[in-house]
All heavy atoms as atom14 arrays in JSON, in Angstrom:
{
  "sequence": "MHMSILKSGWYSSIPWIVGTISELVIGGWLID",
  "atom14_mask": [
    [1, 1, 1, 1, 1, 1, 1, 1, 0, 0, 0, 0, 0, 0],
    [1, 1, 1, 1, 1, 1, 1, 1, 1, 1, 0, 0, 0, 0],
    [1, 1, 1, 1, 1, 1, 1, 1, 0, 0, 0, 0, 0, 0],
    [1, 1, 1, 1, 1, 1, 0, 0, 0, 0, 0, 0, 0, 0],
    [1, 1, 1, 1, 1, 1, 1, 1, 0, 0, 0, 0, 0, 0],
    [1, 1, 1, 1, 1, 1, 1, 1, 0, 0, 0, 0, 0, 0],
    [1, 1, 1, 1, 1, 1, 1, 1, 1, 0, 0, 0, 0, 0],
    [1, 1, 1, 1, 1, 1, 0, 0, 0, 0, 0, 0, 0, 0],
    [1, 1, 1, 1, 0, 0, 0, 0, 0, 0, 0, 0, 0, 0],
    [1, 1, 1, 1, 1, 1, 1, 1, 1, 1, 1, 1, 1, 1],
    [1, 1, 1, 1, 1, 1, 1, 1, 1, 1, 1, 1, 0, 0],
    [1, 1, 1, 1, 1, 1, 0, 0, 0, 0, 0, 0, 0, 0],
    [1, 1, 1, 1, 1, 1, 0, 0, 0, 0, 0, 0, 0, 0],
    [1, 1, 1, 1, 1, 1, 1, 1, 0, 0, 0, 0, 0, 0],
    [1, 1, 1, 1, 1, 1, 1, 0, 0, 0, 0, 0, 0, 0],
    [1, 1, 1, 1, 1, 1, 1, 1, 1, 1, 1, 1, 1, 1],
    [1, 1, 1, 1, 1, 1, 1, 1, 0, 0, 0, 0, 0, 0],
    [1, 1, 1, 1, 1, 1, 1, 0, 0, 0, 0, 0, 0, 0],
    [1, 1, 1, 1, 0, 0, 0, 0, 0, 0, 0, 0, 0, 0],
    [1, 1, 1, 1, 1, 1, 1, 0, 0, 0, 0, 0, 0, 0],
    [1, 1, 1, 1, 1, 1, 1, 1, 0, 0, 0, 0, 0, 0],
    [1, 1, 1, 1, 1, 1, 0, 0, 0, 0, 0, 0, 0, 0],
    [1, 1, 1, 1, 1, 1, 1, 1, 1, 0, 0, 0, 0, 0],
    [1, 1, 1, 1, 1, 1, 1, 1, 0, 0, 0, 0, 0, 0],
    [1, 1, 1, 1, 1, 1, 1, 0, 0, 0, 0, 0, 0, 0],
    [1, 1, 1, 1, 1, 1, 1, 1, 0, 0, 0, 0, 0, 0],
    [1, 1, 1, 1, 0, 0, 0, 0, 0, 0, 0, 0, 0, 0],
    [1, 1, 1, 1, 0, 0, 0, 0, 0, 0, 0, 0, 0, 0],
    [1, 1, 1, 1, 1, 1, 1, 1, 1, 1, 1, 1, 1, 1],
    [1, 1, 1, 1, 1, 1, 1, 1, 0, 0, 0, 0, 0, 0],
    [1, 1, 1, 1, 1, 1, 1, 1, 0, 0, 0, 0, 0, 0],
    [1, 1, 1, 1, 1, 1, 1, 1, 0, 0, 0, 0, 0, 0]
  ],
  "atom14_positions": [
    [[-28.89, 160.8, 103.67], [-27.78, 161.58, 104.23], [-27.83, 163.04, 103.79], [-26.94, 163.83, 104.12], [-26.45, 160.95, 103.82], [-26.26, 159.53, 104.34], [-26.29, 159.48, 106.15], [-26.42, 157.73, 106.46], [0.0, 0.0, 0.0], [0.0, 0.0, 0.0], [0.0, 0.0, 0.0], [0.0, 0.0, 0.0], [0.0, 0.0, 0.0], [0.0, 0.0, 0.0]],
    [[-28.85, 163.4, 103.01], [-29.14, 164.8, 102.64], [-27.96, 165.49, 101.94], [-27.62, 166.64, 102.24], [-29.55, 165.6, 103.88], [-30.63, 164.93, 104.68], [-31.92, 164.75, 104.21], [-30.59, 164.35, 105.93], [-32.64, 164.11, 105.12], [-31.86, 163.85, 106.17], [0.0, 0.0, 0.0], [0.0, 0.0, 0.0], [0.0, 0.0, 0.0], [0.0, 0.0, 0.0]],
    [[-27.35, 164.78, 100.99], [-26.25, 165.36, 100.2], [-26.78, 165.91, 98.89], [-27.84, 165.49, 98.41], [-25.19, 164.3, 99.91], [-24.44, 163.77, 101.12], [-23.18, 162.57, 100.61], [-22.5, 162.14, 102.2], [0.0, 0.0, 0.0], [0.0, 0.0, 0.0], [0.0, 0.0, 0.0], [0.0, 0.0, 0.0], [0.0, 0.0, 0.0], [0.0, 0.0, 0.0]],
    [[-26.01, 166.81, 98.29], [-26.31, 167.25, 96.93], [-25.93, 166.14, 95.95], [-25.21, 165.2, 96.31], [-25.52, 168.51, 96.59], [-24.13, 168.21, 96.54], [0.0, 0.0, 0.0], [0.0, 0.0, 0.0], [0.0, 0.0, 0.0], [0.0, 0.0, 0.0], [0.0, 0.0, 0.0], [0.0, 0.0, 0.0], [0.0, 0.0, 0.0], [0.0, 0.0, 0.0]],
    [[-26.41, 166.23, 94.72], [-26.08, 165.22, 93.72], [-24.56, 165.15, 93.5], [-23.97, 164.07, 93.45], [-26.79, 165.52, 92.37], [-28.29, 165.34, 92.52], [-26.26, 164.61, 91.25], [-29.08, 165.71, 91.29], [0.0, 0.0, 0.0], [0.0, 0.0, 0.0], [0.0, 0.0, 0.0], [0.0, 0.0, 0.0], [0.0, 0.0, 0.0], [0.0, 0.0, 0.0]],
    [[-23.93, 166.33, 93.41], [-22.49, 166.36, 93.17], [-21.72, 165.76, 94.34], [-20.79, 164.95, 94.16], [-22.03, 167.8, 92.92], [-20.59, 167.98, 92.42], [-20.36, 167.2, 91.13], [-20.28, 169.46, 92.21], [0.0, 0.0, 0.0], [0.0, 0.0, 0.0], [0.0, 0.0, 0.0], [0.0, 0.0, 0.0], [0.0, 0.0, 0.0], [0.0, 0.0, 0.0]],
    [[-22.1, 166.11, 95.56], [-21.41, 165.58, 96.74], [-21.63, 164.07, 96.87], [-20.71, 163.31, 97.2], [-21.89, 166.28, 98.01], [-21.1, 165.89, 99.26], [-21.55, 166.68, 100.48], [-20.74, 166.29, 101.71], [-21.16, 167.06, 102.92], [0.0, 0.0, 0.0], [0.0, 0.0, 0.0], [0.0, 0.0, 0.0], [0.0, 0.0, 0.0], [0.0, 0.0, 0.0]],
    [[-22.85, 163.62, 96.57], [-23.13, 162.18, 96.63], [-22.28, 161.42, 95.61], [-21.88, 160.29, 95.85], [-24.62, 161.91, 96.38], [-24.96, 162.06, 95.02], [0.0, 0.0, 0.0], [0.0, 0.0, 0.0], [0.0, 0.0, 0.0], [0.0, 0.0, 0.0], [0.0, 0.0, 0.0], [0.0, 0.0, 0.0], [0.0, 0.0, 0.0], [0.0, 0.0, 0.0]],
    [[-22.03, 162.06, 94.47], [-21.17, 161.43, 93.46], [-19.77, 161.19, 93.97], [-19.2, 160.11, 93.78], [0.0, 0.0, 0.0], [0.0, 0.0, 0.0], [0.0, 0.0, 0.0], [0.0, 0.0, 0.0], [0.0, 0.0, 0.0], [0.0, 0.0, 0.0], [0.0, 0.0, 0.0], [0.0, 0.0, 0.0], [0.0, 0.0, 0.0], [0.0, 0.0, 0.0]],
    [[-19.21, 162.19, 94.67], [-17.85, 162.03, 95.21], [-17.83, 161.01, 96.35], [-16.92, 160.18, 96.42], [-17.33, 163.38, 95.7], [-16.95, 164.3, 94.58], [-17.59, 165.43, 94.17], [-15.84, 164.13, 93.69], [-16.96, 165.98, 93.08], [-15.88, 165.21, 92.77], [-14.82, 163.19, 93.57], [-14.94, 165.37, 91.75], [-13.89, 163.34, 92.55], [-13.95, 164.42, 91.66]],
    [[-18.81, 161.06, 97.23], [-18.86, 160.09, 98.33], [-19.06, 158.67, 97.79], [-18.48, 157.71, 98.3], [-19.99, 160.45, 99.3], [-19.53, 161.22, 100.51], [-19.12, 162.54, 100.4], [-19.5, 160.64, 101.77], [-18.69, 163.26, 101.51], [-19.07, 161.34, 102.89], [-18.67, 162.66, 102.76], [-18.24, 163.36, 103.85], [0.0, 0.0, 0.0], [0.0, 0.0, 0.0]],
    [[-19.91, 158.55, 96.77], [-20.19, 157.22, 96.2], [-18.94, 156.59, 95.59], [-18.83, 155.36, 95.52], [-21.27, 157.32, 95.13], [-22.5, 157.73, 95.68], [0.0, 0.0, 0.0], [0.0, 0.0, 0.0], [0.0, 0.0, 0.0], [0.0, 0.0, 0.0], [0.0, 0.0, 0.0], [0.0, 0.0, 0.0], [0.0, 0.0, 0.0], [0.0, 0.0, 0.0]],
    [[-18.0, 157.43, 95.14], [-16.82, 156.91, 94.47], [-15.88, 156.19, 95.44], [-15.1, 155.32, 95.03], [-16.06, 158.04, 93.77], [-15.44, 158.9, 94.71], [0.0, 0.0, 0.0], [0.0, 0.0, 0.0], [0.0, 0.0, 0.0], [0.0, 0.0, 0.0], [0.0, 0.0, 0.0], [0.0, 0.0, 0.0], [0.0, 0.0, 0.0], [0.0, 0.0, 0.0]],
    [[-15.96, 156.52, 96.74], [-15.0, 155.95, 97.71], [-15.11, 154.43, 97.81], [-14.1, 153.73, 97.69], [-15.18, 156.62, 99.1], [-14.82, 158.11, 99.02], [-14.31, 155.92, 100.15], [-15.18, 158.9, 100.26], [0.0, 0.0, 0.0], [0.0, 0.0, 0.0], [0.0, 0.0, 0.0], [0.0, 0.0, 0.0], [0.0, 0.0, 0.0], [0.0, 0.0, 0.0]],
    [[-16.32, 153.85, 98.03], [-16.39, 152.38, 98.1], [-15.93, 151.71, 96.81], [-15.35, 150.62, 96.85], [-17.88, 152.12, 98.35], [-18.4, 153.37, 98.95], [-17.62, 154.46, 98.31], [0.0, 0.0, 0.0], [0.0, 0.0, 0.0], [0.0, 0.0, 0.0], [0.0, 0.0, 0.0], [0.0, 0.0, 0.0], [0.0, 0.0, 0.0], [0.0, 0.0, 0.0]],
    [[-16.19, 152.36, 95.68], [-15.8, 151.74, 94.4], [-14.29, 151.76, 94.2], [-13.73, 150.84, 93.61], [-16.52, 152.44, 93.24], [-18.01, 152.4, 93.36], [-18.85, 153.46, 93.52], [-18.85, 151.23, 93.34], [-20.15, 153.03, 93.6], [-20.17, 151.67, 93.49], [-18.6, 149.86, 93.22], [-21.25, 150.79, 93.52], [-19.67, 148.99, 93.25], [-20.97, 149.44, 93.4]],
    [[-13.62, 152.8, 94.7], [-12.15, 152.83, 94.64], [-11.59, 151.71, 95.52], [-10.67, 150.98, 95.11], [-11.61, 154.2, 95.12], [-11.98, 155.29, 94.1], [-10.09, 154.14, 95.29], [-11.68, 156.7, 94.59], [0.0, 0.0, 0.0], [0.0, 0.0, 0.0], [0.0, 0.0, 0.0], [0.0, 0.0, 0.0], [0.0, 0.0, 0.0], [0.0, 0.0, 0.0]],
    [[-12.14, 151.56, 96.72], [-11.72, 150.46, 97.61], [-11.94, 149.12, 96.93], [-11.08, 148.23, 96.96], [-12.49, 150.53, 98.95], [-12.19, 149.29, 99.8], [-12.12, 151.8, 99.71], [0.0, 0.0, 0.0], [0.0, 0.0, 0.0], [0.0, 0.0, 0.0], [0.0, 0.0, 0.0], [0.0, 0.0, 0.0], [0.0, 0.0, 0.0], [0.0, 0.0, 0.0]],
    [[-13.1, 148.97, 96.29], [-13.41, 147.72, 95.61], [-12.47, 147.41, 94.47], [-12.05, 146.26, 94.28], [0.0, 0.0, 0.0], [0.0, 0.0, 0.0], [0.0, 0.0, 0.0], [0.0, 0.0, 0.0], [0.0, 0.0, 0.0], [0.0, 0.0, 0.0], [0.0, 0.0, 0.0], [0.0, 0.0, 0.0], [0.0, 0.0, 0.0], [0.0, 0.0, 0.0]],
    [[-12.12, 148.43, 93.69], [-11.19, 148.24, 92.57], [-9.84, 147.73, 93.05], [-9.3, 146.75, 92.52], [-10.99, 149.56, 91.81], [-12.26, 150.04, 91.35], [-10.08, 149.36, 90.61], [0.0, 0.0, 0.0], [0.0, 0.0, 0.0], [0.0, 0.0, 0.0], [0.0, 0.0, 0.0], [0.0, 0.0, 0.0], [0.0, 0.0, 0.0], [0.0, 0.0, 0.0]],
    [[-9.3, 148.39, 94.07], [-7.99, 147.99, 94.61], [-8.07, 146.59, 95.21], [-7.19, 145.75, 95.0], [-7.51, 149.01, 95.66], [-7.29, 150.38, 95.0], [-6.23, 148.54, 96.34], [-7.06, 151.51, 95.99], [0.0, 0.0, 0.0], [0.0, 0.0, 0.0], [0.0, 0.0, 0.0], [0.0, 0.0, 0.0], [0.0, 0.0, 0.0], [0.0, 0.0, 0.0]],
    [[-9.12, 146.34, 95.96], [-9.3, 145.05, 96.62], [-9.35, 143.91, 95.61], [-8.7, 142.87, 95.79], [-10.58, 145.07, 97.46], [-10.86, 143.8, 97.98], [0.0, 0.0, 0.0], [0.0, 0.0, 0.0], [0.0, 0.0, 0.0], [0.0, 0.0, 0.0], [0.0, 0.0, 0.0], [0.0, 0.0, 0.0], [0.0, 0.0, 0.0], [0.0, 0.0, 0.0]],
    [[-10.1, 144.1, 94.53], [-10.22, 143.01, 93.55], [-8.92, 142.76, 92.81], [-8.53, 141.62, 92.59], [-11.35, 143.32, 92.56], [-11.55, 142.19, 91.57], [-12.88, 142.25, 90.87], [-13.6, 143.25, 91.0], [-13.2, 141.28, 90.15], [0.0, 0.0, 0.0], [0.0, 0.0, 0.0], [0.0, 0.0, 0.0], [0.0, 0.0, 0.0], [0.0, 0.0, 0.0]],
    [[-8.24, 143.83, 92.39], [-6.99, 143.66, 91.65], [-5.9, 143.03, 92.51], [-5.21, 142.1, 92.08], [-6.52, 145.01, 91.11], [-7.3, 145.58, 89.93], [-6.85, 147.01, 89.63], [-7.13, 144.7, 88.69], [0.0, 0.0, 0.0], [0.0, 0.0, 0.0], [0.0, 0.0, 0.0], [0.0, 0.0, 0.0], [0.0, 0.0, 0.0], [0.0, 0.0, 0.0]],
    [[-5.76, 143.53, 93.74], [-4.66, 143.08, 94.6], [-4.95, 141.71, 95.23], [-4.1, 140.82, 95.22], [-4.37, 144.12, 95.7], [-3.31, 143.59, 96.67], [-3.9, 145.43, 95.08], [0.0, 0.0, 0.0], [0.0, 0.0, 0.0], [0.0, 0.0, 0.0], [0.0, 0.0, 0.0], [0.0, 0.0, 0.0], [0.0, 0.0, 0.0], [0.0, 0.0, 0.0]],
    [[-6.17, 141.54, 95.75], [-6.49, 140.3, 96.45], [-7.18, 139.3, 95.54], [-6.76, 138.15, 95.41], [-7.37, 140.59, 97.69], [-6.64, 141.55, 98.64], [-7.73, 139.29, 98.41], [-7.47, 142.02, 99.81], [0.0, 0.0, 0.0], [0.0, 0.0, 0.0], [0.0, 0.0, 0.0], [0.0, 0.0, 0.0], [0.0, 0.0, 0.0], [0.0, 0.0, 0.0]],
    [[-8.27, 139.73, 94.88], [-9.02, 138.82, 94.03], [-8.25, 138.33, 92.83], [-8.55, 137.26, 92.29], [0.0, 0.0, 0.0], [0.0, 0.0, 0.0], [0.0, 0.0, 0.0], [0.0, 0.0, 0.0], [0.0, 0.0, 0.0], [0.0, 0.0, 0.0], [0.0, 0.0, 0.0], [0.0, 0.0, 0.0], [0.0, 0.0, 0.0], [0.0, 0.0, 0.0]],
    [[-7.27, 139.09, 92.38], [-6.48, 138.69, 91.22], [-5.07, 138.28, 91.58], [-4.74, 137.1, 91.61], [0.0, 0.0, 0.0], [0.0, 0.0, 0.0], [0.0, 0.0, 0.0], [0.0, 0.0, 0.0], [0.0, 0.0, 0.0], [0.0, 0.0, 0.0], [0.0, 0.0, 0.0], [0.0, 0.0, 0.0], [0.0, 0.0, 0.0], [0.0, 0.0, 0.0]],
    [[-4.21, 139.26, 91.89], [-2.77, 139.01, 92.08], [-2.49, 138.03, 93.22], [-1.76, 137.07, 93.05], [-2.05, 140.33, 92.32], [-0.6, 140.15, 92.63], [0.42, 139.97, 91.75], [-0.01, 140.11, 93.95], [1.62, 139.82, 92.42], [1.38, 139.91, 93.77], [-0.52, 140.24, 95.24], [2.27, 139.82, 94.84], [0.36, 140.16, 96.31], [1.73, 139.96, 96.1]],
    [[-3.07, 138.28, 94.41], [-2.74, 137.46, 95.57], [-3.19, 136.01, 95.39], [-2.45, 135.08, 95.71], [-3.38, 138.05, 96.83], [-3.12, 137.28, 98.14], [-1.63, 137.17, 98.41], [-3.85, 137.95, 99.3], [0.0, 0.0, 0.0], [0.0, 0.0, 0.0], [0.0, 0.0, 0.0], [0.0, 0.0, 0.0], [0.0, 0.0, 0.0], [0.0, 0.0, 0.0]],
    [[-4.39, 135.82, 94.87], [-4.89, 134.46, 94.69], [-4.05, 133.69, 93.68], [-3.65, 132.54, 93.92], [-6.38, 134.48, 94.27], [-7.23, 134.91, 95.46], [-6.84, 133.12, 93.74], [-8.69, 135.1, 95.16], [0.0, 0.0, 0.0], [0.0, 0.0, 0.0], [0.0, 0.0, 0.0], [0.0, 0.0, 0.0], [0.0, 0.0, 0.0], [0.0, 0.0, 0.0]],
    [[-3.72, 134.31, 92.54], [-2.85, 133.64, 91.57], [-1.48, 133.34, 92.17], [-0.88, 132.29, 91.9], [-2.69, 134.51, 90.31], [-3.8, 134.29, 89.3], [-4.62, 133.38, 89.52], [-3.86, 135.04, 88.31], [0.0, 0.0, 0.0], [0.0, 0.0, 0.0], [0.0, 0.0, 0.0], [0.0, 0.0, 0.0], [0.0, 0.0, 0.0], [0.0, 0.0, 0.0]]
  ]
}
């Protein structure tokens, strides 16, 4: 995608933020 290292760092953080919320809310709280 021809990004700089710094820009790739910010873009890379988006899926991980989604993953964090998804696991806490669905994988943890909702299932229990």
